[in-house]
């Protein structure tokens, strides 16, 4: 499995585990990340992202059709389909996460979800 797909899987596991998302996203988010989320939500503040990701955990999730492209050795893009359940509500989206390799590892600098 590609290391960036593995990183996405780790992120979803953190999002589905009480208290784990804050730790994970403090570690993996780049210094100036950007997220575009359903409902027209644009987040460019790192701490706000960590707070948002630390809310109610997902009850279940499944990722399918993952692909990775590498425009350069230090940039990677993961896209896939996510199906998840939280508080009884189902969610499905096309997801894209863009990573940049820094001196201490891969960092998430862009993330977008398009509902299906």
Protein backbone atom coordinates (compact mmCIF):
# COMPACT_ATOMS: atom_id res chain seq x y z
CA UNK A 1 0.00 0.00 0.00
CA UNK A 2 1.25 3.49 -0.78
CA UNK A 3 2.43 5.49 2.23
CA UNK A 4 0.00 8.34 1.45
CA UNK A 5 -2.99 5.99 1.32
CA UNK A 6 -1.79 4.61 4.64
CA UNK A 7 -1.62 8.16 6.02
CA UNK A 8 -5.24 8.78 4.92
CA UNK A 9 -6.32 5.53 6.59
CA UNK A 10 -4.56 6.61 9.80
CA UNK A 11 -6.40 9.93 9.62
CA UNK A 12 -9.79 8.24 9.32
CA UNK A 13 -8.95 5.88 12.19
CA UNK A 14 -8.12 8.95 14.28
CA UNK A 15 -11.39 10.60 13.23
CA UNK A 16 -13.25 7.48 14.39
CA UNK A 17 -11.47 7.25 17.76
CA UNK A 18 -12.42 9.54 20.65
CA UNK A 19 -9.55 11.93 21.41
CA UNK A 20 -7.20 10.70 18.65
CA UNK A 21 -7.92 13.25 15.91
CA UNK A 22 -6.43 16.23 17.76
CA UNK A 23 -3.10 14.45 18.23
CA UNK A 24 -3.02 13.13 14.68
CA UNK A 25 -3.86 16.41 12.96
CA UNK A 26 -1.46 18.45 15.10
CA UNK A 27 1.21 16.11 13.76
CA UNK A 28 0.21 15.86 10.09
CA UNK A 29 -1.19 19.28 9.11
CA UNK A 30 1.17 21.59 7.27
CA UNK A 31 1.83 25.06 8.70
CA UNK A 32 -0.61 26.82 6.35
CA UNK A 33 -3.17 24.20 5.22
CA UNK A 34 -6.43 24.74 3.36
CA UNK A 35 -9.63 22.69 3.52
CA UNK A 36 -12.70 23.00 1.30
CA UNK A 37 -15.62 21.14 2.83
CA UNK A 38 -19.30 20.62 1.96
CA UNK A 39 -21.63 23.54 2.54
CA UNK A 40 -19.14 26.07 1.20
CA UNK A 41 -16.88 25.75 4.24
CA UNK A 42 -13.37 27.10 3.54
CA UNK A 43 -10.91 26.72 6.40
CA UNK A 44 -7.41 28.17 6.24
CA UNK A 45 -6.68 28.31 9.98
CA UNK A 46 -4.68 25.33 11.28
CA UNK A 47 -6.07 25.43 14.83
CA UNK A 48 -9.64 25.73 13.57
CA UNK A 49 -9.03 22.62 11.45
CA UNK A 50 -7.79 20.69 14.46
CA UNK A 51 -10.88 21.75 16.45
CA UNK A 52 -13.18 20.75 13.58
CA UNK A 53 -11.49 17.36 13.16
CA UNK A 54 -11.70 16.73 16.91
CA UNK A 55 -15.49 16.89 17.11
CA UNK A 56 -17.78 13.85 17.41
CA UNK A 57 -15.97 10.77 16.06
CA UNK A 58 -17.27 8.85 13.06
CA UNK A 59 -19.05 5.64 14.06
CA UNK A 60 -17.95 3.78 10.92
CA UNK A 61 -16.15 4.52 7.66
CA UNK A 62 -15.03 2.83 4.48
CA UNK A 63 -12.61 4.15 1.87
CA UNK A 64 -12.66 2.81 -1.67
CA UNK A 65 -11.07 3.38 -5.08
CA UNK A 66 -7.91 5.06 -3.74
CA UNK A 67 -5.37 6.41 -6.19
CA UNK A 68 -2.15 8.33 -5.68
CA UNK A 69 -0.46 10.66 -8.11
CA UNK A 70 2.94 12.21 -7.53
CA UNK A 71 3.54 15.42 -9.49
CA UNK A 72 7.04 15.42 -7.95
CA UNK A 73 8.99 13.40 -5.38
CA UNK A 74 7.88 15.78 -2.63
CA UNK A 75 4.21 16.23 -3.60
CA UNK A 76 1.52 13.57 -3.52
CA UNK A 77 -2.22 13.61 -4.16
CA UNK A 78 -4.55 10.94 -2.79
CA UNK A 79 -8.11 10.68 -4.02
CA UNK A 80 -10.79 8.17 -3.06
CA UNK A 81 -14.44 7.67 -2.20
CA UNK A 82 -15.36 7.88 1.49
CA UNK A 83 -18.50 6.44 3.07
CA UNK A 84 -19.02 7.23 6.75
CA UNK A 85 -21.65 7.29 9.49
CA UNK A 86 -21.87 9.72 12.38
CA UNK A 87 -24.76 10.18 14.80
CA UNK A 88 -26.89 7.92 12.62
CA UNK A 89 -26.37 9.98 9.47
CA UNK A 90 -24.70 8.55 6.38
CA UNK A 91 -22.12 10.57 4.45
CA UNK A 92 -20.47 9.88 1.09
CA UNK A 93 -17.92 12.05 -0.71
CA UNK A 94 -15.17 12.16 -3.26
CA UNK A 95 -12.10 13.14 -1.28
CA UNK A 96 -8.78 14.63 -2.33
CA UNK A 97 -5.84 15.18 0.00
CA UNK A 98 -2.66 16.86 -1.16
CA UNK A 99 0.57 16.27 0.74
CA UNK A 100 3.98 17.86 0.66
CA UNK A 101 7.08 16.15 2.00
CA UNK A 102 8.88 18.29 4.56
CA UNK A 103 12.11 17.52 6.43
CA UNK A 104 10.17 15.59 9.10
CA UNK A 105 7.73 13.72 6.83
CA UNK A 106 4.56 14.14 4.81
CA UNK A 107 2.30 17.09 5.71
CA UNK A 108 -1.30 17.64 4.63
CA UNK A 109 -1.55 21.04 2.92
CA UNK A 110 -4.86 20.75 1.01
CA UNK A 111 -7.99 18.67 1.56
CA UNK A 112 -11.32 18.77 -0.28
CA UNK A 113 -14.53 16.77 0.02
CA UNK A 114 -17.22 16.77 -2.66
CA UNK A 115 -20.47 15.11 -1.49
CA UNK A 116 -21.84 12.29 -3.62
